[in-house]
């Protein structure tokens, strides 16, 4: 598998954040990725990366950059711990809300 990262490099949270955003910015509006897609870009040890990817995803949600979805519905990460969610989740860029005065 070809990756953007060297197998021996340890990815920082900034590396993971940059990779998630890079992947999402390449998609059409409303499209999403699986957290494992981001983890796989770091190489064969992608499963070990999953907790860090989830942690960074939560930070990105709190920063208003992305949304976590499950079955097409936005998951409120303040109500549900992302680590305990059963079933697949997806990451997508946050939809910008137009302010109405």
N, C-alpha and C. Protein backbone atom coordinates (compact mmCIF):
# COMPACT_ATOMS: atom_id res chain seq x y z
N UNK A 1 0.84 -1.17 0.00
CA UNK A 1 0.00 0.00 0.00
C UNK A 1 0.89 1.24 0.00
N UNK A 2 0.60 2.16 -0.88
CA UNK A 2 1.35 3.41 -0.95
C UNK A 2 0.71 4.41 0.00
N UNK A 3 1.52 5.03 0.83
CA UNK A 3 1.00 6.02 1.77
C UNK A 3 1.78 7.31 1.60
N UNK A 4 1.23 8.38 2.15
CA UNK A 4 1.92 9.67 2.14
C UNK A 4 2.97 9.73 3.23
N UNK A 5 2.94 8.81 4.16
CA UNK A 5 3.80 8.86 5.33
C UNK A 5 4.77 7.69 5.33
N UNK A 6 5.92 7.89 5.89
CA UNK A 6 6.91 6.81 6.04
C UNK A 6 6.43 5.89 7.15
N UNK A 7 6.57 4.59 6.94
CA UNK A 7 6.08 3.61 7.92
C UNK A 7 6.71 3.80 9.30
N UNK A 8 7.93 4.26 9.36
CA UNK A 8 8.61 4.37 10.65
C UNK A 8 8.31 5.68 11.38
N UNK A 9 7.65 6.61 10.71
CA UNK A 9 7.35 7.89 11.34
C UNK A 9 6.16 7.77 12.29
N UNK A 10 6.24 8.47 13.40
CA UNK A 10 5.09 8.57 14.29
C UNK A 10 4.31 9.81 13.90
N UNK A 11 3.04 9.63 13.68
CA UNK A 11 2.19 10.75 13.28
C UNK A 11 1.76 11.54 14.51
N UNK A 12 1.87 12.84 14.42
CA UNK A 12 1.41 13.71 15.50
C UNK A 12 -0.09 13.98 15.30
N UNK A 13 -0.71 14.55 16.31
CA UNK A 13 -2.12 14.94 16.17
C UNK A 13 -2.28 15.95 15.04
N UNK A 14 -1.29 16.82 14.84
CA UNK A 14 -1.35 17.78 13.74
C UNK A 14 -1.30 17.05 12.41
N UNK A 15 -0.46 16.03 12.29
CA UNK A 15 -0.40 15.23 11.06
C UNK A 15 -1.75 14.60 10.76
N UNK A 16 -2.37 14.04 11.79
CA UNK A 16 -3.67 13.38 11.63
C UNK A 16 -4.73 14.41 11.24
N UNK A 17 -4.73 15.53 11.93
CA UNK A 17 -5.68 16.61 11.63
C UNK A 17 -5.53 17.05 10.17
N UNK A 18 -4.29 17.28 9.76
CA UNK A 18 -4.03 17.72 8.39
C UNK A 18 -4.50 16.68 7.38
N UNK A 19 -4.30 15.40 7.68
CA UNK A 19 -4.69 14.34 6.76
C UNK A 19 -6.21 14.23 6.66
N UNK A 20 -6.91 14.31 7.78
CA UNK A 20 -8.37 14.26 7.75
C UNK A 20 -8.90 15.41 6.90
N UNK A 21 -8.42 16.61 7.16
CA UNK A 21 -8.90 17.78 6.42
C UNK A 21 -8.52 17.70 4.95
N UNK A 22 -7.31 17.23 4.64
CA UNK A 22 -6.87 17.09 3.24
C UNK A 22 -7.82 16.16 2.51
N UNK A 23 -8.13 15.02 3.13
CA UNK A 23 -9.01 14.04 2.50
C UNK A 23 -10.41 14.61 2.29
N UNK A 24 -10.93 15.31 3.28
CA UNK A 24 -12.29 15.85 3.19
C UNK A 24 -12.38 16.98 2.17
N UNK A 25 -11.33 17.78 2.07
CA UNK A 25 -11.35 18.89 1.12
C UNK A 25 -11.29 18.41 -0.33
N UNK A 26 -10.88 17.18 -0.54
CA UNK A 26 -10.83 16.61 -1.89
C UNK A 26 -12.19 16.08 -2.34
N UNK A 27 -13.14 15.99 -1.42
CA UNK A 27 -14.45 15.42 -1.73
C UNK A 27 -15.44 16.50 -2.15
N UNK A 28 -16.52 16.05 -2.77
CA UNK A 28 -17.63 16.95 -3.08
C UNK A 28 -18.35 17.29 -1.78
N UNK A 29 -19.06 18.39 -1.80
CA UNK A 29 -19.81 18.83 -0.63
C UNK A 29 -20.75 17.73 -0.13
N UNK A 30 -20.72 17.47 1.17
CA UNK A 30 -21.60 16.48 1.77
C UNK A 30 -21.04 15.07 1.80
N UNK A 31 -19.97 14.80 1.04
CA UNK A 31 -19.38 13.46 1.05
C UNK A 31 -18.55 13.29 2.32
N UNK A 32 -18.32 12.04 2.67
CA UNK A 32 -17.65 11.75 3.94
C UNK A 32 -16.60 10.66 3.78
N UNK A 33 -15.81 10.50 4.83
CA UNK A 33 -14.82 9.43 4.89
C UNK A 33 -15.05 8.63 6.16
N UNK A 34 -14.56 7.43 6.16
CA UNK A 34 -14.52 6.62 7.36
C UNK A 34 -13.25 7.01 8.12
N UNK A 35 -13.28 7.06 9.43
CA UNK A 35 -12.06 7.37 10.17
C UNK A 35 -10.89 6.45 9.79
N UNK A 36 -11.20 5.21 9.44
CA UNK A 36 -10.13 4.29 9.06
C UNK A 36 -9.46 4.70 7.75
N UNK A 37 -10.16 5.45 6.89
CA UNK A 37 -9.53 5.94 5.67
C UNK A 37 -8.35 6.84 6.01
N UNK A 38 -8.55 7.71 6.98
CA UNK A 38 -7.47 8.60 7.41
C UNK A 38 -6.35 7.78 8.07
N UNK A 39 -6.72 6.84 8.92
CA UNK A 39 -5.71 6.02 9.60
C UNK A 39 -4.89 5.21 8.59
N UNK A 40 -5.54 4.66 7.58
CA UNK A 40 -4.84 3.84 6.58
C UNK A 40 -3.80 4.63 5.80
N UNK A 41 -3.98 5.92 5.70
CA UNK A 41 -3.01 6.73 4.96
C UNK A 41 -1.66 6.79 5.68
N UNK A 42 -1.63 6.33 6.94
CA UNK A 42 -0.38 6.32 7.70
C UNK A 42 0.32 4.97 7.64
N UNK A 43 -0.23 4.01 6.90
CA UNK A 43 0.48 2.76 6.67
C UNK A 43 -0.13 1.55 7.32
N UNK A 44 0.67 0.50 7.37
CA UNK A 44 0.21 -0.82 7.78
C UNK A 44 -0.26 -0.88 9.23
N UNK A 45 0.21 0.00 10.06
CA UNK A 45 -0.19 -0.02 11.48
C UNK A 45 -1.40 0.87 11.72
N UNK A 46 -2.30 0.94 10.73
CA UNK A 46 -3.44 1.86 10.79
C UNK A 46 -4.36 1.58 11.96
N UNK A 47 -4.51 0.30 12.34
CA UNK A 47 -5.41 0.00 13.46
C UNK A 47 -4.93 0.66 14.75
N UNK A 48 -3.62 0.72 14.92
CA UNK A 48 -3.06 1.38 16.11
C UNK A 48 -3.33 2.88 16.10
N UNK A 49 -3.59 3.44 14.92
CA UNK A 49 -3.84 4.87 14.77
C UNK A 49 -5.28 5.26 15.09
N UNK A 50 -6.19 4.28 15.12
CA UNK A 50 -7.61 4.60 15.24
C UNK A 50 -7.97 5.42 16.49
N UNK A 51 -7.46 5.09 17.67
CA UNK A 51 -7.82 5.94 18.83
C UNK A 51 -7.38 7.40 18.64
N UNK A 52 -6.20 7.60 18.06
CA UNK A 52 -5.73 8.97 17.83
C UNK A 52 -6.57 9.67 16.77
N UNK A 53 -6.98 8.95 15.73
CA UNK A 53 -7.84 9.53 14.70
C UNK A 53 -9.17 9.95 15.30
N UNK A 54 -9.75 9.11 16.14
CA UNK A 54 -11.03 9.46 16.79
C UNK A 54 -10.87 10.68 17.70
N UNK A 55 -9.77 10.72 18.43
CA UNK A 55 -9.51 11.85 19.33
C UNK A 55 -9.39 13.16 18.54
N UNK A 56 -8.65 13.11 17.44
CA UNK A 56 -8.50 14.30 16.61
C UNK A 56 -9.83 14.67 15.98
N UNK A 57 -10.62 13.69 15.58
CA UNK A 57 -11.94 13.97 15.00
C UNK A 57 -12.81 14.73 16.00
N UNK A 58 -12.78 14.33 17.26
CA UNK A 58 -13.55 15.04 18.29
C UNK A 58 -13.07 16.48 18.40
N UNK A 59 -11.76 16.69 18.38
CA UNK A 59 -11.23 18.05 18.43
C UNK A 59 -11.71 18.87 17.24
N UNK A 60 -11.73 18.26 16.05
CA UNK A 60 -12.19 18.96 14.85
C UNK A 60 -13.68 19.30 14.93
N UNK A 61 -14.46 18.41 15.53
CA UNK A 61 -15.88 18.70 15.74
C UNK A 61 -16.03 19.89 16.67
N UNK A 62 -15.31 19.87 17.76
CA UNK A 62 -15.39 20.96 18.73
C UNK A 62 -14.92 22.29 18.14
N UNK A 63 -14.00 22.21 17.16
CA UNK A 63 -13.53 23.42 16.48
C UNK A 63 -14.48 23.87 15.37
N UNK A 64 -15.56 23.09 15.15
CA UNK A 64 -16.54 23.44 14.12
C UNK A 64 -16.11 23.12 12.70
N UNK A 65 -15.06 22.32 12.55
CA UNK A 65 -14.53 22.01 11.22
C UNK A 65 -15.24 20.83 10.54
N UNK A 66 -15.57 19.81 11.33
CA UNK A 66 -16.17 18.61 10.76
C UNK A 66 -17.38 18.18 11.58
N UNK A 67 -18.11 17.21 11.03
CA UNK A 67 -19.21 16.56 11.74
C UNK A 67 -18.95 15.06 11.73
N UNK A 68 -19.36 14.41 12.79
CA UNK A 68 -19.36 12.95 12.85
C UNK A 68 -20.78 12.51 12.58
N UNK A 69 -20.95 11.58 11.66
CA UNK A 69 -22.29 11.09 11.34
C UNK A 69 -22.36 9.58 11.51
N UNK A 70 -23.57 9.12 11.75
CA UNK A 70 -23.87 7.69 11.79
C UNK A 70 -25.21 7.51 11.12
N UNK A 71 -25.24 6.67 10.13
CA UNK A 71 -26.46 6.44 9.34
C UNK A 71 -27.02 7.75 8.80
N UNK A 72 -26.11 8.66 8.40
CA UNK A 72 -26.51 9.93 7.80
C UNK A 72 -26.92 11.01 8.78
N UNK A 73 -26.97 10.69 10.06
CA UNK A 73 -27.38 11.65 11.09
C UNK A 73 -26.16 12.15 11.87
N UNK A 74 -26.13 13.44 12.15
CA UNK A 74 -25.03 14.01 12.92
C UNK A 74 -25.07 13.47 14.34
N UNK A 75 -23.93 13.03 14.83
CA UNK A 75 -23.79 12.52 16.19
C UNK A 75 -23.36 13.67 17.09
N UNK A 76 -24.07 13.86 18.19
CA UNK A 76 -23.71 14.88 19.16
C UNK A 76 -22.63 14.29 20.06
N UNK A 77 -21.40 14.70 19.83
CA UNK A 77 -20.29 14.11 20.60
C UNK A 77 -20.26 14.59 22.04
N UNK A 78 -21.03 15.61 22.35
CA UNK A 78 -21.11 16.04 23.75
C UNK A 78 -22.03 15.11 24.54
N UNK A 79 -22.97 14.47 23.85
CA UNK A 79 -23.88 13.54 24.49
C UNK A 79 -23.37 12.10 24.45
N UNK A 80 -22.62 11.76 23.41
CA UNK A 80 -22.16 10.39 23.21
C UNK A 80 -20.65 10.36 23.08
N UNK A 81 -20.01 9.48 23.82
CA UNK A 81 -18.57 9.30 23.73
C UNK A 81 -18.26 8.59 22.42
N UNK A 82 -17.42 9.19 21.59
CA UNK A 82 -17.12 8.63 20.28
C UNK A 82 -16.52 7.22 20.37
N UNK A 83 -15.83 6.95 21.46
CA UNK A 83 -15.22 5.62 21.63
C UNK A 83 -16.25 4.53 21.91
N UNK A 84 -17.42 4.89 22.39
CA UNK A 84 -18.42 3.88 22.75
C UNK A 84 -19.55 3.75 21.72
N UNK A 85 -19.48 4.52 20.65
CA UNK A 85 -20.51 4.44 19.61
C UNK A 85 -20.40 3.08 18.92
N UNK A 86 -21.50 2.38 18.85
CA UNK A 86 -21.54 1.09 18.18
C UNK A 86 -21.86 1.30 16.70
N UNK A 87 -21.17 0.58 15.85
CA UNK A 87 -21.42 0.67 14.41
C UNK A 87 -20.54 1.71 13.75
N UNK A 88 -20.58 1.72 12.42
CA UNK A 88 -19.71 2.62 11.66
C UNK A 88 -20.11 4.09 11.79
N UNK A 89 -19.09 4.93 11.80
CA UNK A 89 -19.29 6.38 11.78
C UNK A 89 -18.56 6.94 10.56
N UNK A 90 -18.91 8.14 10.20
CA UNK A 90 -18.30 8.83 9.06
C UNK A 90 -17.91 10.23 9.51
N UNK A 91 -16.95 10.82 8.79
CA UNK A 91 -16.51 12.18 9.03
C UNK A 91 -16.78 12.99 7.78
N UNK A 92 -17.31 14.21 7.94
CA UNK A 92 -17.51 15.10 6.80
C UNK A 92 -17.28 16.53 7.26
N UNK A 93 -17.01 17.39 6.29
CA UNK A 93 -16.85 18.80 6.62
C UNK A 93 -18.15 19.33 7.19
N UNK A 94 -18.04 20.21 8.16
CA UNK A 94 -19.23 20.79 8.79
C UNK A 94 -19.96 21.66 7.77
N UNK A 95 -21.27 21.58 7.82
CA UNK A 95 -22.09 22.44 6.96
C UNK A 95 -22.16 23.80 7.60
N UNK A 96 -21.84 24.80 6.85
CA UNK A 96 -21.86 26.17 7.36
C UNK A 96 -23.29 26.67 7.41
N UNK A 97 -23.66 27.17 8.56
CA UNK A 97 -25.01 27.70 8.75
C UNK A 97 -25.00 29.19 8.40
N UNK A 98 -25.90 29.60 7.52
CA UNK A 98 -26.01 31.02 7.19
C UNK A 98 -26.71 31.73 8.35
N UNK A 99 -26.15 32.82 8.76
CA UNK A 99 -26.76 33.60 9.85
C UNK A 99 -27.85 34.48 9.28
N UNK A 100 -29.00 34.43 9.92
CA UNK A 100 -30.12 35.26 9.52
C UNK A 100 -30.33 36.32 10.58
N UNK A 101 -30.22 37.57 10.16
CA UNK A 101 -30.42 38.68 11.12
C UNK A 101 -31.86 39.06 11.21
